[in-house]
């Protein structure tokens, strides 16, 4: 009897030893997450700081800065759950050969043995998804939203965060559903059907995207009122004027074709665009006016350090990467449209630089991600292997090194504005 018991225990231990880690529960002490404070967190922060994901100095406290850095690291490294928590798999990927298991005696909020599931993803085939969810169902949601042009973030993260919530809200608004930001069963069913509309802005709509559209129309000389974020009669008239001038169907609705032309570099301006002033600024910037223009742009860029990252924003209180570049160009006298990072990389009137060793201060440097060859990020070169930019990993506008790590391996080229 005793021998049989020993044999049974041995078999169980062997099975456990060869089970994949993901099949086992993860103890709470093995997971570093927001609110934690100890030497394990500090070691995590040191590596995140070394790899340019965390901009602030390590403190030993896992706050929102650290959470955002972990999310960005997970999004950049395929196979990791993008949840902002540093469990064993995330720590192994980050620490590499320096990875060590966390001691089971580690205290977590007064307890050393709280447990959580290794995955909190919604079940496959979920009928509803909510902010905070993660996993393959969220990845599928993001891809479907991207196919209909609601989700504009460069990568599919599998995490239902603010960008996904905004995309869901725009989908619901366009398709006459209750705008909640929650992908309920009705919204999800419509999105998966052939009846789902492409992202469209209609008269009567309101939101940050409407204000961005008004700003763009104003820049092009079609809209001469204050940008309010409400799509009213004045905005409708401006849209129709824009469509007529650019050979589009004149319906006053900003759909797929109108948005494509509106935010492109090849667009016809309206009579109120101040074309003579723009032409003058463009001419001066193209001819290379010397270091004073570059110095002015770099000075303006530095005054924005610390401003938070916000997808789709172009200042003055927050920025995404291309919005930050646009703000700096515009306020240093360069006639430039509000384009995406890929859009700026394709401006033909600016010289293209492909060798990182040929960069000059003021060049617009652009990058791909680890999992794509498309341009997905842009910044301003400062010299000495550094750039100033706005990114989630830096919590907004900050100076980062391009000499090693993520930006070194993903550098694609630069545009010389001056």
Protein backbone atom coordinates (compact mmCIF):
# COMPACT_ATOMS: atom_id res chain seq x y z
CA UNK A 1 0.00 0.00 0.00
CA UNK A 2 2.79 2.40 0.94
CA UNK A 3 4.64 1.63 -2.30
CA UNK A 4 1.50 2.34 -4.35
CA UNK A 5 1.07 5.70 -2.59
CA UNK A 6 4.68 6.66 -3.28
CA UNK A 7 4.26 5.65 -6.94
CA UNK A 8 1.12 7.74 -7.28
CA UNK A 9 2.80 10.78 -5.77
CA UNK A 10 5.77 10.37 -8.14
CA UNK A 11 3.48 10.24 -11.18
CA UNK A 12 1.67 13.41 -10.04
CA UNK A 13 4.94 15.23 -9.52
CA UNK A 14 6.15 14.18 -12.97
CA UNK A 15 2.96 15.42 -14.62
CA UNK A 16 3.19 18.76 -12.84
CA UNK A 17 6.83 19.11 -13.79
CA UNK A 18 6.03 18.80 -17.49
CA UNK A 19 2.88 20.89 -17.50
CA UNK A 20 3.21 24.18 -19.41
CA UNK A 21 3.35 27.14 -17.07
CA UNK A 22 0.27 28.72 -18.60
CA UNK A 23 -1.79 25.72 -17.50
CA UNK A 24 -1.03 26.35 -13.81
CA UNK A 25 -2.42 29.01 -11.53
CA UNK A 26 -0.10 31.93 -10.83
CA UNK A 27 0.30 32.88 -7.19
CA UNK A 28 -0.29 36.52 -6.38
CA UNK A 29 3.21 36.94 -4.99
CA UNK A 30 4.59 36.08 -8.45
CA UNK A 31 2.78 39.00 -10.11
CA UNK A 32 3.97 42.60 -9.83
CA UNK A 33 1.11 45.04 -10.34
CA UNK A 34 -0.13 48.52 -9.54
CA UNK A 35 0.04 49.33 -5.84
CA UNK A 36 2.98 47.00 -5.09
CA UNK A 37 6.12 48.39 -3.45
CA UNK A 38 9.32 46.38 -2.88
CA UNK A 39 12.73 45.47 -4.28
CA UNK A 40 11.18 43.24 -6.95
CA UNK A 41 9.31 46.22 -8.36
CA UNK A 42 12.48 48.31 -8.28
CA UNK A 43 14.41 45.64 -10.22
CA UNK A 44 11.60 45.56 -12.80
CA UNK A 45 11.68 49.36 -13.10
CA UNK A 46 15.44 49.41 -13.54
CA UNK A 47 15.19 47.09 -16.55
CA UNK A 48 12.24 49.03 -18.01
CA UNK A 49 14.22 52.25 -17.57
CA UNK A 50 17.32 50.69 -19.16
CA UNK A 51 15.30 49.59 -22.21
CA UNK A 52 13.67 53.03 -22.56
CA UNK A 53 10.14 51.96 -21.63
CA UNK A 54 10.10 53.78 -18.28
CA UNK A 55 11.19 57.41 -18.32
CA UNK A 56 11.07 58.20 -14.60
CA UNK A 57 13.70 56.92 -12.20
CA UNK A 58 13.06 53.60 -10.39
CA UNK A 59 11.33 54.13 -7.04
CA UNK A 60 10.26 50.65 -5.97
CA UNK A 61 6.59 51.66 -6.22
CA UNK A 62 4.42 50.21 -9.00
CA UNK A 63 2.31 53.18 -10.10
CA UNK A 64 0.64 54.22 -13.34
CA UNK A 65 3.96 55.15 -14.99
CA UNK A 66 5.24 51.61 -14.44
CA UNK A 67 1.93 50.09 -15.51
CA UNK A 68 2.02 52.04 -18.80
CA UNK A 69 5.63 50.98 -19.39
CA UNK A 70 4.71 47.31 -18.84
CA UNK A 71 1.74 47.61 -21.22
CA UNK A 72 3.97 49.06 -23.95
CA UNK A 73 6.60 46.35 -23.43
CA UNK A 74 3.95 43.63 -23.62
CA UNK A 75 2.42 45.15 -26.75
CA UNK A 76 5.86 45.22 -28.42
CA UNK A 77 6.62 41.57 -27.62
CA UNK A 78 4.24 39.07 -29.18
CA UNK A 79 2.84 36.26 -27.08
CA UNK A 80 2.48 38.26 -23.88
CA UNK A 81 -0.88 39.19 -22.39
CA UNK A 82 -1.17 42.99 -22.57
CA UNK A 83 -2.55 43.61 -19.08
CA UNK A 84 -0.04 45.95 -17.39
CA UNK A 85 0.90 43.27 -14.83
CA UNK A 86 4.41 41.83 -14.63
CA UNK A 87 3.86 38.12 -14.10
CA UNK A 88 6.50 35.42 -14.67
CA UNK A 89 6.17 35.39 -18.48
CA UNK A 90 6.51 39.17 -18.80
CA UNK A 91 9.43 39.24 -16.34
CA UNK A 92 11.18 36.41 -18.22
CA UNK A 93 10.83 38.27 -21.52
CA UNK A 94 12.10 41.52 -19.99
CA UNK A 95 14.87 40.25 -17.73
CA UNK A 96 16.19 37.43 -19.92
CA UNK A 97 19.18 35.70 -18.31
CA UNK A 98 18.78 37.86 -15.19
CA UNK A 99 15.33 36.46 -14.45
CA UNK A 100 14.85 34.87 -11.03
CA UNK A 101 11.69 33.51 -9.48
CA UNK A 102 10.07 35.68 -6.83
CA UNK A 103 10.37 34.26 -3.31
CA UNK A 104 7.10 32.77 -2.03
CA UNK A 105 7.60 34.62 1.24
CA UNK A 106 7.02 37.95 -0.54
CA UNK A 107 4.30 39.94 1.23
CA UNK A 108 1.56 41.38 -0.98
CA UNK A 109 -0.88 43.73 0.76
CA UNK A 110 -0.48 41.77 3.97
CA UNK A 111 -0.78 38.33 2.37
CA UNK A 112 1.80 36.12 0.69
CA UNK A 113 -0.49 33.48 -0.83
CA UNK A 114 -3.30 35.25 -2.69
CA UNK A 115 -3.77 33.67 -6.13
CA UNK A 116 -5.12 34.78 -9.46
CA UNK A 117 -5.72 33.02 -12.72
CA UNK A 118 -2.88 32.99 -15.22
CA UNK A 119 -5.30 34.48 -17.71
CA UNK A 120 -8.26 36.77 -17.23
CA UNK A 121 -9.22 36.80 -20.87
CA UNK A 122 -12.90 36.57 -21.72
CA UNK A 123 -14.00 33.16 -22.91
CA UNK A 124 -13.56 32.46 -26.59
CA UNK A 125 -16.63 33.51 -28.55
CA UNK A 126 -17.64 36.06 -25.92
CA UNK A 127 -20.95 37.80 -26.55
CA UNK A 128 -19.87 41.05 -24.84
CA UNK A 129 -16.55 42.77 -24.16
CA UNK A 130 -15.71 45.48 -21.66
CA UNK A 131 -12.88 47.96 -21.00
CA UNK A 132 -10.15 46.10 -19.13
CA UNK A 133 -10.70 42.79 -20.97
CA UNK A 134 -7.82 41.18 -22.78
CA UNK A 135 -7.09 38.19 -24.95
CA UNK A 136 -7.87 36.81 -28.39
CA UNK A 137 -11.48 38.05 -28.38
CA UNK A 138 -10.24 41.60 -27.86
CA UNK A 139 -7.66 41.16 -30.62
CA UNK A 140 -10.45 40.02 -32.93
CA UNK A 141 -12.54 43.03 -31.90
CA UNK A 142 -9.67 45.43 -32.61
CA UNK A 143 -9.03 43.86 -36.03
CA UNK A 144 -12.70 44.13 -37.00
CA UNK A 145 -12.78 47.76 -35.84
CA UNK A 146 -9.57 48.39 -37.79
CA UNK A 147 -11.09 46.84 -40.93
CA UNK A 148 -13.90 49.42 -40.66
CA UNK A 149 -11.33 52.20 -39.91
CA UNK A 150 -12.45 52.92 -36.34
CA UNK A 151 -9.35 51.54 -34.65
CA UNK A 152 -6.33 53.55 -35.82
CA UNK A 153 -3.64 52.46 -33.35
CA UNK A 154 -0.74 50.88 -35.32
CA UNK A 155 -0.78 47.53 -33.50
CA UNK A 156 -3.36 44.99 -32.35
CA UNK A 157 -2.70 44.73 -28.60
CA UNK A 158 -5.39 42.39 -27.32
CA UNK A 159 -6.06 44.83 -24.48
CA UNK A 160 -9.35 46.76 -24.23
CA UNK A 161 -7.96 50.14 -23.17
CA UNK A 162 -8.80 53.80 -23.92
CA UNK A 163 -7.98 53.59 -27.65
CA UNK A 164 -10.27 50.59 -28.12
CA UNK A 165 -12.99 52.25 -26.05
CA UNK A 166 -12.83 55.35 -28.27
CA UNK A 167 -13.03 53.16 -31.39
CA UNK A 168 -16.08 51.35 -30.00
CA UNK A 169 -17.76 54.68 -29.20
CA UNK A 170 -17.22 55.89 -32.77
CA UNK A 171 -18.57 52.59 -34.12
CA UNK A 172 -21.67 52.87 -31.96
CA UNK A 173 -22.23 56.49 -32.92
CA UNK A 174 -21.86 55.81 -36.65
CA UNK A 175 -24.23 52.83 -36.49
CA UNK A 176 -26.94 54.55 -34.39
CA UNK A 177 -26.33 52.47 -31.27
CA UNK A 178 -26.21 53.63 -27.66
CA UNK A 179 -22.75 55.16 -27.22
CA UNK A 180 -21.39 53.44 -24.12
CA UNK A 181 -17.86 52.37 -25.07
CA UNK A 182 -18.85 48.82 -24.03
CA UNK A 183 -19.04 46.25 -26.82
CA UNK A 184 -22.34 44.70 -25.79
CA UNK A 185 -23.99 41.80 -27.58
CA UNK A 186 -25.94 44.03 -29.99
CA UNK A 187 -22.87 46.07 -30.98
CA UNK A 188 -20.69 42.98 -31.36
CA UNK A 189 -23.29 41.20 -33.49
CA UNK A 190 -23.54 44.19 -35.84
CA UNK A 191 -19.77 44.58 -36.09
CA UNK A 192 -19.45 40.95 -37.18
CA UNK A 193 -22.13 41.36 -39.85
CA UNK A 194 -21.91 42.74 -43.38
CA UNK A 195 -24.19 45.61 -42.32
CA UNK A 196 -21.53 47.36 -40.20
CA UNK A 197 -20.78 50.82 -41.59
CA UNK A 198 -17.32 52.23 -42.14
CA UNK A 199 -16.31 55.02 -39.77
CA UNK A 200 -18.31 58.09 -40.78
CA UNK A 201 -18.97 61.50 -39.20
CA UNK A 202 -22.51 62.80 -39.68
CA UNK A 203 -24.18 66.18 -39.06
CA UNK A 204 -25.41 66.16 -35.47
CA UNK A 205 -22.44 64.14 -34.18
CA UNK A 206 -20.14 65.44 -31.47
CA UNK A 207 -16.77 64.39 -30.09
CA UNK A 208 -13.03 65.00 -30.12
CA UNK A 209 -12.80 63.57 -33.64
CA UNK A 210 -15.29 66.19 -34.84
CA UNK A 211 -13.12 68.96 -33.37
CA UNK A 212 -10.05 67.48 -35.06
CA UNK A 213 -11.95 67.46 -38.36
CA UNK A 214 -13.00 71.10 -37.86
CA UNK A 215 -9.40 72.08 -37.09
CA UNK A 216 -8.27 70.43 -40.31
CA UNK A 217 -10.96 72.18 -42.37
CA UNK A 218 -9.96 75.47 -40.75
CA UNK A 219 -6.30 74.87 -41.59
CA UNK A 220 -7.26 74.22 -45.21
CA UNK A 221 -9.36 77.38 -45.42
CA UNK A 222 -12.87 75.91 -45.51
CA UNK A 223 -14.00 76.50 -41.93
CA UNK A 224 -13.81 79.98 -40.36
CA UNK A 225 -15.71 79.41 -37.09
CA UNK A 226 -14.48 78.19 -33.71
CA UNK A 227 -13.89 74.43 -33.48
CA UNK A 228 -16.49 73.19 -31.03
CA UNK A 229 -16.57 69.43 -31.54
CA UNK A 230 -20.18 69.65 -32.72
CA UNK A 231 -21.08 68.84 -36.34
CA UNK A 232 -23.61 71.61 -37.03
CA UNK A 233 -24.78 73.52 -40.09
CA UNK A 234 -21.59 75.61 -40.43
CA UNK A 235 -19.46 72.47 -40.38
CA UNK A 236 -21.78 70.81 -42.90
CA UNK A 237 -21.37 73.74 -45.29
CA UNK A 238 -17.59 73.63 -44.86
CA UNK A 239 -17.53 69.90 -45.58
CA UNK A 240 -19.59 70.36 -48.74
CA UNK A 241 -17.25 73.12 -49.95
CA UNK A 242 -14.28 70.89 -49.31
CA UNK A 243 -15.87 67.95 -51.14
CA UNK A 244 -16.79 70.11 -54.13
CA UNK A 245 -13.28 71.56 -54.42
CA UNK A 246 -11.67 68.12 -54.19
CA UNK A 247 -13.89 66.27 -56.64
CA UNK A 248 -15.74 64.24 -54.02
CA UNK A 249 -19.42 63.40 -53.73
CA UNK A 250 -20.99 66.52 -52.15
CA UNK A 251 -23.17 65.12 -49.37
CA UNK A 252 -21.89 66.95 -46.26
CA UNK A 253 -20.97 63.63 -44.65
CA UNK A 254 -17.37 62.77 -43.73
CA UNK A 255 -17.07 59.16 -44.80
CA UNK A 256 -14.23 56.94 -45.97
CA UNK A 257 -13.30 58.83 -49.16
CA UNK A 258 -13.70 62.31 -47.66
CA UNK A 259 -11.56 61.43 -44.63
CA UNK A 260 -8.86 59.93 -46.84
CA UNK A 261 -8.52 63.12 -48.88
CA UNK A 262 -9.01 65.45 -45.90
CA UNK A 263 -6.04 64.03 -44.01
CA UNK A 264 -3.79 63.45 -47.01
CA UNK A 265 -0.93 65.65 -48.15
CA UNK A 266 -2.38 65.94 -51.68
CA UNK A 267 -5.42 68.13 -50.99
CA UNK A 268 -6.79 71.32 -52.52
CA UNK A 269 -7.04 74.28 -50.15
CA UNK A 270 -9.94 76.68 -49.86
CA UNK A 271 -9.96 80.41 -50.45
CA UNK A 272 -9.45 81.15 -46.77
CA UNK A 273 -6.29 79.06 -46.38
CA UNK A 274 -3.88 81.97 -46.64
CA UNK A 275 -2.06 80.36 -49.53
CA UNK A 276 0.38 83.24 -50.07
CA UNK A 277 1.56 83.09 -46.47
CA UNK A 278 1.81 79.29 -46.64
CA UNK A 279 3.77 79.43 -49.86
CA UNK A 280 6.19 81.92 -48.33
CA UNK A 281 6.76 79.78 -45.24
CA UNK A 282 7.10 76.65 -47.32
CA UNK A 283 9.65 78.29 -49.59
CA UNK A 284 11.77 79.49 -46.71
CA UNK A 285 11.70 76.13 -44.99
CA UNK A 286 12.64 74.29 -48.16
CA UNK A 287 15.62 76.46 -48.98
CA UNK A 288 17.42 75.79 -45.73
CA UNK A 289 17.43 79.06 -43.82
CA UNK A 290 20.10 78.09 -41.31
CA UNK A 291 20.23 76.99 -37.71
CA UNK A 292 17.89 79.67 -36.35
CA UNK A 293 14.81 77.86 -37.73
CA UNK A 294 15.97 74.55 -36.32
CA UNK A 295 16.80 76.14 -32.97
CA UNK A 296 13.34 77.66 -32.79
CA UNK A 297 11.63 74.32 -33.41
CA UNK A 298 13.84 72.53 -30.88
CA UNK A 299 13.15 75.26 -28.31
CA UNK A 300 9.40 74.94 -28.87
CA UNK A 301 9.66 71.15 -28.57
CA UNK A 302 11.46 71.39 -25.24
CA UNK A 303 8.81 73.67 -23.76
CA UNK A 304 6.33 70.79 -24.17
CA UNK A 305 8.31 68.19 -22.20
CA UNK A 306 6.09 66.53 -19.63
CA UNK A 307 2.82 67.08 -21.54
CA UNK A 308 0.87 63.78 -21.50
CA UNK A 309 0.34 61.39 -24.39
CA UNK A 310 -3.16 61.34 -25.85
CA UNK A 311 -3.98 59.45 -29.02
CA UNK A 312 -5.21 61.80 -31.76
CA UNK A 313 -4.24 65.01 -29.92
CA UNK A 314 -2.12 67.81 -31.35
CA UNK A 315 -1.76 70.11 -28.34
CA UNK A 316 -1.32 72.29 -26.58
CA UNK A 317 -2.23 70.19 -23.53
CA UNK A 318 -1.51 66.69 -24.83
CA UNK A 319 -0.15 65.00 -27.96
CA UNK A 320 0.24 61.82 -29.90
CA UNK A 321 3.50 61.42 -31.85
CA UNK A 322 2.43 63.08 -35.11
CA UNK A 323 0.37 65.70 -33.27
CA UNK A 324 3.50 66.75 -31.38
CA UNK A 325 5.50 67.05 -34.62
CA UNK A 326 2.68 69.06 -36.19
CA UNK A 327 2.56 71.46 -33.22
CA UNK A 328 6.32 72.06 -33.36
CA UNK A 329 6.35 72.59 -37.13
CA UNK A 330 3.34 74.89 -37.11
CA UNK A 331 4.64 77.06 -34.27
CA UNK A 332 8.11 77.38 -35.78
CA UNK A 333 6.73 78.80 -39.02
CA UNK A 334 6.71 75.70 -41.22
CA UNK A 335 3.68 75.28 -43.47
CA UNK A 336 2.72 71.69 -42.73
CA UNK A 337 -0.57 69.84 -42.57
CA UNK A 338 -1.73 67.69 -39.67
CA UNK A 339 -0.73 64.27 -41.00
CA UNK A 340 -0.07 60.87 -39.48
CA UNK A 341 3.48 59.68 -38.84
CA UNK A 342 3.31 57.74 -42.12
CA UNK A 343 1.99 60.86 -43.84
CA UNK A 344 4.95 62.97 -42.72
CA UNK A 345 7.36 60.25 -43.85
CA UNK A 346 5.92 60.59 -47.35
CA UNK A 347 6.10 64.38 -47.84
CA UNK A 348 7.96 64.65 -51.14
CA UNK A 349 9.21 68.25 -50.80
CA UNK A 350 11.41 67.29 -47.83
CA UNK A 351 14.65 65.38 -48.45
CA UNK A 352 14.73 61.77 -47.30
CA UNK A 353 17.57 60.56 -45.07
CA UNK A 354 18.10 56.79 -44.78
CA UNK A 355 21.42 56.59 -42.93
CA UNK A 356 21.16 57.21 -39.19
CA UNK A 357 24.72 58.53 -39.21
CA UNK A 358 23.68 61.31 -41.61
CA UNK A 359 20.99 62.76 -39.34
CA UNK A 360 21.03 66.45 -38.44
CA UNK A 361 19.32 68.27 -35.59
CA UNK A 362 15.73 69.04 -36.55
CA UNK A 363 15.24 66.05 -38.85
CA UNK A 364 11.92 64.25 -38.45
CA UNK A 365 12.85 60.65 -37.60
CA UNK A 366 10.34 57.87 -38.13
CA UNK A 367 10.09 54.25 -37.04
CA UNK A 368 8.24 50.97 -37.48
CA UNK A 369 7.23 48.54 -34.73
CA UNK A 370 8.80 45.16 -33.98
CA UNK A 371 5.97 43.37 -35.75
CA UNK A 372 5.36 45.61 -38.78
CA UNK A 373 7.31 47.28 -41.58
CA UNK A 374 4.94 50.27 -41.74
CA UNK A 375 5.74 53.68 -40.26
CA UNK A 376 4.06 53.90 -36.86
CA UNK A 377 6.00 56.54 -34.88
CA UNK A 378 7.76 59.86 -35.46
CA UNK A 379 9.88 62.28 -33.47
CA UNK A 380 12.36 65.17 -33.86
CA UNK A 381 16.08 64.46 -33.87
CA UNK A 382 18.10 66.43 -31.30
CA UNK A 383 21.59 65.24 -32.18
CA UNK A 384 23.86 62.96 -30.21
CA UNK A 385 21.67 59.94 -30.86
CA UNK A 386 18.63 61.40 -29.08
CA UNK A 387 15.20 62.55 -30.16
CA UNK A 388 12.26 64.37 -28.58
CA UNK A 389 8.85 62.80 -29.14
CA UNK A 390 5.51 61.90 -27.58
CA UNK A 391 4.84 58.23 -26.86
CA UNK A 392 2.86 56.07 -24.42
CA UNK A 393 6.10 54.46 -23.23
CA UNK A 394 7.41 57.87 -22.12
CA UNK A 395 4.03 59.01 -20.75
CA UNK A 396 4.05 61.89 -23.21
CA UNK A 397 6.67 64.34 -24.46
CA UNK A 398 10.19 63.34 -23.47
CA UNK A 399 13.73 62.91 -24.75
CA UNK A 400 14.72 59.35 -25.66
CA UNK A 401 17.83 57.65 -26.97
CA UNK A 402 17.89 56.23 -30.48
CA UNK A 403 21.30 54.63 -30.02
CA UNK A 404 20.11 51.27 -28.68
CA UNK A 405 17.04 49.21 -27.95
CA UNK A 406 13.62 49.59 -29.56
CA UNK A 407 14.23 52.79 -31.56
CA UNK A 408 17.66 51.73 -32.81
CA UNK A 409 16.37 48.49 -34.29
CA UNK A 410 13.19 50.02 -35.74
CA UNK A 411 14.61 53.19 -37.36
CA UNK A 412 13.35 53.55 -40.94
CA UNK A 413 14.51 56.99 -42.01
CA UNK A 414 14.04 60.73 -41.65
CA UNK A 415 12.77 63.82 -43.44
CA UNK A 416 14.89 66.98 -43.55
CA UNK A 417 12.55 69.96 -43.23
CA UNK A 418 15.20 72.70 -42.95
